[in-house]
N, C-alpha and C. Protein backbone atom coordinates (compact mmCIF):
# COMPACT_ATOMS: atom_id res chain seq x y z
N MET A 1 109.61 51.56 80.89
CA MET A 1 108.85 50.42 81.39
C MET A 1 108.64 49.45 80.25
N SER A 2 108.75 48.19 80.53
CA SER A 2 108.60 47.16 79.51
C SER A 2 107.23 46.51 79.57
N ILE A 3 106.22 47.33 79.47
CA ILE A 3 104.85 46.85 79.43
C ILE A 3 104.23 47.43 78.18
N HIS A 4 103.77 46.53 77.32
CA HIS A 4 103.24 46.94 76.03
C HIS A 4 101.78 46.52 75.95
N SER A 5 100.99 47.33 75.26
CA SER A 5 99.59 46.95 75.12
C SER A 5 99.13 47.11 73.68
N GLN A 6 98.15 46.30 73.34
CA GLN A 6 97.49 46.36 72.05
C GLN A 6 96.04 46.01 72.26
N LYS A 7 95.22 46.28 71.25
CA LYS A 7 93.80 45.95 71.35
C LYS A 7 93.41 45.02 70.23
N ILE A 8 92.66 43.99 70.59
CA ILE A 8 92.08 43.08 69.61
C ILE A 8 90.62 42.90 70.00
N ASN A 9 89.71 43.24 69.09
CA ASN A 9 88.27 43.11 69.35
C ASN A 9 87.86 43.78 70.67
N ASN A 10 88.34 44.99 70.91
CA ASN A 10 88.03 45.74 72.12
C ASN A 10 88.52 45.08 73.41
N ILE A 11 89.48 44.20 73.29
CA ILE A 11 90.11 43.57 74.45
C ILE A 11 91.54 44.09 74.52
N ALA A 12 91.90 44.67 75.65
CA ALA A 12 93.26 45.17 75.82
C ALA A 12 94.16 44.00 76.22
N ILE A 13 95.21 43.82 75.45
CA ILE A 13 96.18 42.77 75.75
C ILE A 13 97.45 43.47 76.23
N ILE A 14 97.83 43.17 77.46
CA ILE A 14 98.99 43.81 78.06
C ILE A 14 100.08 42.78 78.25
N LEU A 15 101.19 43.00 77.56
CA LEU A 15 102.36 42.13 77.66
C LEU A 15 103.32 42.72 78.68
N VAL A 16 103.61 41.95 79.70
CA VAL A 16 104.62 42.35 80.68
C VAL A 16 105.94 41.75 80.19
N ASP A 17 106.70 42.58 79.50
CA ASP A 17 107.92 42.12 78.82
C ASP A 17 109.13 42.27 79.75
N LEU A 18 109.09 41.51 80.83
CA LEU A 18 110.13 41.54 81.84
C LEU A 18 110.41 40.12 82.33
N GLU A 19 111.67 39.80 82.61
CA GLU A 19 111.97 38.52 83.22
C GLU A 19 111.55 38.52 84.68
N ARG A 20 111.68 39.69 85.32
CA ARG A 20 111.34 39.82 86.74
C ARG A 20 110.35 40.96 86.91
N ALA A 21 109.13 40.64 87.26
CA ALA A 21 108.09 41.64 87.53
C ALA A 21 108.10 41.89 89.03
N THR A 22 108.62 43.05 89.41
CA THR A 22 108.86 43.33 90.82
C THR A 22 108.30 44.69 91.22
N THR A 23 108.61 45.06 92.44
CA THR A 23 108.22 46.35 93.01
C THR A 23 108.57 47.51 92.09
N VAL A 24 109.66 47.39 91.39
CA VAL A 24 110.16 48.46 90.53
C VAL A 24 109.12 48.88 89.49
N VAL A 25 108.32 47.95 88.98
CA VAL A 25 107.35 48.27 87.92
C VAL A 25 105.90 48.13 88.36
N ALA A 26 105.66 47.66 89.57
CA ALA A 26 104.29 47.39 90.01
C ALA A 26 103.39 48.62 89.96
N GLU A 27 103.86 49.73 90.47
CA GLU A 27 103.04 50.94 90.51
C GLU A 27 102.73 51.47 89.11
N SER A 28 103.73 51.51 88.26
CA SER A 28 103.50 52.00 86.89
C SER A 28 102.59 51.03 86.13
N PHE A 29 102.68 49.75 86.41
CA PHE A 29 101.77 48.77 85.80
C PHE A 29 100.34 49.07 86.22
N LYS A 30 100.11 49.23 87.52
CA LYS A 30 98.75 49.54 88.02
C LYS A 30 98.21 50.82 87.39
N ASN A 31 99.05 51.84 87.30
CA ASN A 31 98.60 53.11 86.71
C ASN A 31 98.26 52.96 85.23
N SER A 32 99.05 52.18 84.51
CA SER A 32 98.79 51.94 83.09
C SER A 32 97.46 51.22 82.89
N VAL A 33 97.22 50.21 83.70
CA VAL A 33 95.96 49.46 83.61
C VAL A 33 94.80 50.37 83.99
N GLN A 34 94.94 51.13 85.07
CA GLN A 34 93.87 52.03 85.51
C GLN A 34 93.50 53.01 84.41
N PHE A 35 94.49 53.57 83.74
CA PHE A 35 94.22 54.51 82.66
C PHE A 35 93.39 53.84 81.56
N GLN A 36 93.76 52.61 81.20
CA GLN A 36 93.03 51.91 80.15
C GLN A 36 91.62 51.54 80.59
N ILE A 37 91.45 51.20 81.86
CA ILE A 37 90.11 50.87 82.36
C ILE A 37 89.19 52.08 82.25
N THR A 38 89.68 53.23 82.65
CA THR A 38 88.82 54.41 82.69
C THR A 38 88.62 55.06 81.33
N SER A 39 89.51 54.78 80.39
CA SER A 39 89.40 55.50 79.13
C SER A 39 89.20 54.63 77.90
N GLU A 40 89.54 53.36 77.96
CA GLU A 40 89.56 52.62 76.71
C GLU A 40 88.89 51.25 76.73
N SER A 41 89.13 50.45 77.76
CA SER A 41 88.78 49.03 77.69
C SER A 41 88.03 48.55 78.91
N ARG A 42 87.25 47.51 78.70
CA ARG A 42 86.59 46.81 79.81
C ARG A 42 87.25 45.47 80.06
N ASN A 43 87.59 44.75 78.99
CA ASN A 43 88.14 43.40 79.11
C ASN A 43 89.63 43.40 78.82
N PHE A 44 90.35 42.54 79.58
CA PHE A 44 91.80 42.54 79.52
C PHE A 44 92.36 41.13 79.47
N ILE A 45 93.52 41.03 78.84
CA ILE A 45 94.37 39.85 78.92
C ILE A 45 95.74 40.34 79.37
N PHE A 46 96.25 39.77 80.45
CA PHE A 46 97.61 40.06 80.89
C PHE A 46 98.49 38.90 80.45
N ASP A 47 99.46 39.18 79.60
CA ASP A 47 100.38 38.16 79.10
C ASP A 47 101.66 38.20 79.94
N LEU A 48 101.85 37.16 80.73
CA LEU A 48 103.01 37.08 81.62
C LEU A 48 104.04 36.07 81.12
N SER A 49 103.98 35.73 79.85
CA SER A 49 104.83 34.68 79.31
C SER A 49 106.33 34.99 79.37
N LYS A 50 106.69 36.25 79.46
CA LYS A 50 108.11 36.63 79.55
C LYS A 50 108.62 36.62 80.99
N CYS A 51 107.70 36.59 81.94
CA CYS A 51 108.08 36.69 83.36
C CYS A 51 108.52 35.34 83.92
N GLU A 52 109.74 35.31 84.41
CA GLU A 52 110.23 34.12 85.08
C GLU A 52 110.09 34.23 86.60
N PHE A 53 109.82 35.44 87.06
CA PHE A 53 109.67 35.69 88.50
C PHE A 53 108.69 36.85 88.70
N ILE A 54 107.84 36.71 89.71
CA ILE A 54 106.92 37.79 90.10
C ILE A 54 106.98 37.90 91.61
N ASP A 55 107.20 39.11 92.11
CA ASP A 55 107.24 39.27 93.56
C ASP A 55 105.85 39.61 94.11
N SER A 56 105.75 39.68 95.42
CA SER A 56 104.45 39.88 96.06
C SER A 56 103.84 41.25 95.73
N THR A 57 104.67 42.25 95.53
CA THR A 57 104.15 43.57 95.19
C THR A 57 103.51 43.56 93.82
N PHE A 58 104.12 42.87 92.87
CA PHE A 58 103.52 42.79 91.54
C PHE A 58 102.25 41.93 91.58
N LEU A 59 102.25 40.87 92.39
CA LEU A 59 101.02 40.09 92.56
C LEU A 59 99.90 40.97 93.10
N SER A 60 100.23 41.82 94.03
CA SER A 60 99.25 42.76 94.58
C SER A 60 98.73 43.69 93.49
N ALA A 61 99.61 44.13 92.61
CA ALA A 61 99.19 45.00 91.50
C ALA A 61 98.23 44.25 90.58
N LEU A 62 98.46 42.97 90.38
CA LEU A 62 97.54 42.16 89.56
C LEU A 62 96.17 42.06 90.22
N VAL A 63 96.16 41.82 91.53
CA VAL A 63 94.89 41.69 92.26
C VAL A 63 94.13 43.02 92.24
N THR A 64 94.84 44.12 92.47
CA THR A 64 94.21 45.44 92.44
C THR A 64 93.61 45.72 91.06
N SER A 65 94.36 45.38 90.02
CA SER A 65 93.86 45.58 88.65
C SER A 65 92.63 44.73 88.39
N TYR A 66 92.68 43.49 88.86
CA TYR A 66 91.53 42.58 88.71
C TYR A 66 90.28 43.19 89.35
N LYS A 67 90.42 43.71 90.56
CA LYS A 67 89.28 44.31 91.26
C LYS A 67 88.73 45.51 90.50
N ARG A 68 89.62 46.36 90.00
CA ARG A 68 89.17 47.55 89.27
C ARG A 68 88.47 47.16 87.97
N ILE A 69 88.99 46.17 87.29
CA ILE A 69 88.37 45.70 86.05
C ILE A 69 86.97 45.17 86.35
N ALA A 70 86.84 44.36 87.39
CA ALA A 70 85.54 43.79 87.76
C ALA A 70 84.56 44.88 88.18
N GLU A 71 85.04 45.88 88.91
CA GLU A 71 84.17 46.99 89.33
C GLU A 71 83.60 47.74 88.13
N ASN A 72 84.31 47.74 87.03
CA ASN A 72 83.84 48.41 85.81
C ASN A 72 83.12 47.47 84.86
N GLY A 73 82.76 46.29 85.35
CA GLY A 73 81.99 45.35 84.56
C GLY A 73 82.80 44.57 83.53
N GLY A 74 84.10 44.57 83.69
CA GLY A 74 84.97 43.86 82.75
C GLY A 74 85.45 42.53 83.29
N GLU A 75 86.21 41.86 82.44
CA GLU A 75 86.78 40.57 82.81
C GLU A 75 88.27 40.57 82.50
N LEU A 76 89.00 39.73 83.22
CA LEU A 76 90.44 39.62 83.06
C LEU A 76 90.83 38.17 82.84
N ARG A 77 91.73 37.96 81.90
CA ARG A 77 92.33 36.66 81.67
C ARG A 77 93.84 36.82 81.81
N ILE A 78 94.51 35.80 82.30
CA ILE A 78 95.97 35.80 82.39
C ILE A 78 96.48 34.64 81.55
N VAL A 79 97.55 34.91 80.79
CA VAL A 79 98.10 33.86 79.92
C VAL A 79 99.61 33.74 80.10
N GLY A 80 100.11 32.54 79.74
CA GLY A 80 101.53 32.31 79.58
C GLY A 80 102.35 32.20 80.85
N LEU A 81 101.82 31.57 81.88
CA LEU A 81 102.59 31.49 83.12
C LEU A 81 103.76 30.52 82.99
N GLN A 82 104.95 31.02 83.29
CA GLN A 82 106.15 30.19 83.36
C GLN A 82 106.04 29.31 84.61
N PRO A 83 106.78 28.20 84.68
CA PRO A 83 106.64 27.28 85.82
C PRO A 83 106.78 27.93 87.20
N ALA A 84 107.77 28.78 87.40
CA ALA A 84 107.96 29.40 88.72
C ALA A 84 106.81 30.35 89.05
N VAL A 85 106.32 31.06 88.06
CA VAL A 85 105.20 31.99 88.26
C VAL A 85 103.92 31.21 88.51
N ASP A 86 103.73 30.14 87.77
CA ASP A 86 102.57 29.27 87.97
C ASP A 86 102.57 28.72 89.40
N SER A 87 103.73 28.31 89.88
CA SER A 87 103.84 27.82 91.26
C SER A 87 103.47 28.89 92.26
N MET A 88 103.88 30.12 91.99
CA MET A 88 103.55 31.23 92.88
C MET A 88 102.04 31.47 92.91
N PHE A 89 101.39 31.39 91.75
CA PHE A 89 99.95 31.56 91.69
C PHE A 89 99.24 30.45 92.47
N LYS A 90 99.75 29.24 92.37
CA LYS A 90 99.14 28.12 93.10
C LYS A 90 99.40 28.23 94.60
N LEU A 91 100.61 28.60 94.98
CA LEU A 91 100.97 28.73 96.39
C LEU A 91 100.13 29.80 97.08
N THR A 92 99.89 30.90 96.39
CA THR A 92 99.10 32.00 96.96
C THR A 92 97.60 31.81 96.73
N ARG A 93 97.25 30.76 96.04
CA ARG A 93 95.86 30.43 95.69
C ARG A 93 95.21 31.44 94.75
N LEU A 94 96.03 32.24 94.11
CA LEU A 94 95.49 33.18 93.12
C LEU A 94 95.02 32.45 91.87
N SER A 95 95.46 31.22 91.69
CA SER A 95 95.00 30.43 90.55
C SER A 95 93.51 30.12 90.67
N ARG A 96 92.95 30.27 91.87
CA ARG A 96 91.52 30.07 92.07
C ARG A 96 90.72 31.32 91.73
N ILE A 97 91.38 32.46 91.74
CA ILE A 97 90.71 33.74 91.50
C ILE A 97 90.77 34.13 90.02
N PHE A 98 91.96 34.00 89.45
CA PHE A 98 92.17 34.43 88.07
C PHE A 98 91.79 33.33 87.08
N ASP A 99 91.28 33.76 85.92
CA ASP A 99 91.07 32.85 84.80
C ASP A 99 92.40 32.78 84.04
N ILE A 100 93.05 31.63 84.09
CA ILE A 100 94.39 31.46 83.51
C ILE A 100 94.30 30.56 82.30
N PHE A 101 94.94 31.01 81.21
CA PHE A 101 94.92 30.28 79.96
C PHE A 101 96.34 30.05 79.46
N LYS A 102 96.47 29.07 78.60
CA LYS A 102 97.78 28.71 78.06
C LYS A 102 98.35 29.81 77.17
N ASP A 103 97.49 30.36 76.30
CA ASP A 103 97.99 31.36 75.36
C ASP A 103 96.91 32.39 75.04
N GLU A 104 97.32 33.39 74.30
CA GLU A 104 96.45 34.52 73.96
C GLU A 104 95.22 34.08 73.16
N LYS A 105 95.41 33.20 72.21
CA LYS A 105 94.30 32.74 71.36
C LYS A 105 93.21 32.08 72.21
N GLU A 106 93.62 31.22 73.11
CA GLU A 106 92.67 30.54 74.00
C GLU A 106 91.92 31.56 74.87
N ALA A 107 92.63 32.54 75.37
CA ALA A 107 92.01 33.58 76.21
C ALA A 107 91.04 34.43 75.40
N LEU A 108 91.45 34.82 74.20
CA LEU A 108 90.54 35.61 73.33
C LEU A 108 89.26 34.84 73.06
N ASN A 109 89.38 33.57 72.75
CA ASN A 109 88.20 32.75 72.46
C ASN A 109 87.27 32.64 73.66
N SER A 110 87.83 32.69 74.87
CA SER A 110 87.01 32.54 76.07
C SER A 110 86.07 33.73 76.26
N PHE A 111 86.39 34.87 75.69
CA PHE A 111 85.49 36.03 75.79
C PHE A 111 84.26 35.86 74.92
N ASN A 112 84.32 35.01 73.93
CA ASN A 112 83.19 34.80 73.01
C ASN A 112 82.20 33.77 73.52
N LYS A 113 82.49 33.14 74.64
CA LYS A 113 81.60 32.08 75.14
C LYS A 113 80.55 32.63 76.05
């Protein structure tokens, strides 16, 4: 799986290092995030800057992860949306739900406010 994570200031940063985030990786992505929620982190940044396409199943995995993070008192930021992915977020109105930032630095700073 091409999903990598690191921690900065107790914030888990998850890079989805795929051109196409699809059904193939959605379940393992959800499981990876769930493990980190229950054992390591409250706040998350999902970096989608490598993704040129996201299907509906992966979008569902993002929404499920968002709900689980919120249930545990955490917050989620999304960064690096490519034009086609950004359009998908706007079309599905998920851009109204998620806090979306241009880059990781901007998202990290938003946790300090």
